[in-house]
Amino acid sequence: MRLAGLSISELLMMIIAVILSMSVHELAHGLVSYWLGDPSAKYAGRLSLNPLRHIDWLGMFCLLAFGFGWARPVPIDSRYYKDPKSGIIWTSFAGPLANFLLGFVCVFVYFLIYKFAPYGMAAVYVTRTLALTASMSIGFGIFNLIPIPPLDGAKILWSFLPDHVYYRINNGAWWMNLLLFALIYSGLIGGPMAMLRTWFIDLFSNISVFLLGI
């Protein structure tokens, strides 16, 4: 378990990273759906960065302890969209994209502090929290792009299928949920996810270093 042996400060950093990653992800889903004409998230009070509106406590614990987890899904009603299938694509992609953007912002601010802030314990704690948040958020974004229900990647990929195939697969999606858990517990997706996360962090670091002239 990842929580074993953590100090109080390290646990607080992880909690901050998880809360930010999940809240930004769900807020992005709700905002894009709202912009496309769906008021469901607004009526449910989910167009907010207040983490209490987005956190699923069991999902948060699993993300802290095991490296994968979930938030409370934002209510989405595709019947409000002019084109339901394209609306689902944009709404679903918004969550992972927000995670990547949060990851980039954290990496950029990390190097900004590294360049301009005086060295001290406060700077150490802030930069460590930023680094952990970047890693957690990018990993959360990558995980949600896996094309297996109930993750966003499945909603994106399936929206390109013909309608008769799309609805047939949706009706049988329950067994794919079991497939997802089997892949998680087998460890088959852990290695590729770690490689992709490292690639994104290296990319964002190189861009930040270039922009800041470090």
Foldseek 3Di string as FASTA:
>chain_A
DQPPPDDPLRVVLLLVLLLQLQLLLQLQLQVLLVVQFWCQLVVLVSNDSPSVSWADPVQSVCCNPPVGGHIPHRDHDLVRGPDSLVSLQNSLLRRLVSLLVLLLVLLLVLVVCVPPPDDDPVNVSSNVSSNSSSLSSNLHSVLLLPCAPPGSVVSNVLSPDPPVVSVVCVVVRPVSVVVSVVCSVVCVVVVVSVVVSVVSSVVSNVVSCVVVVD
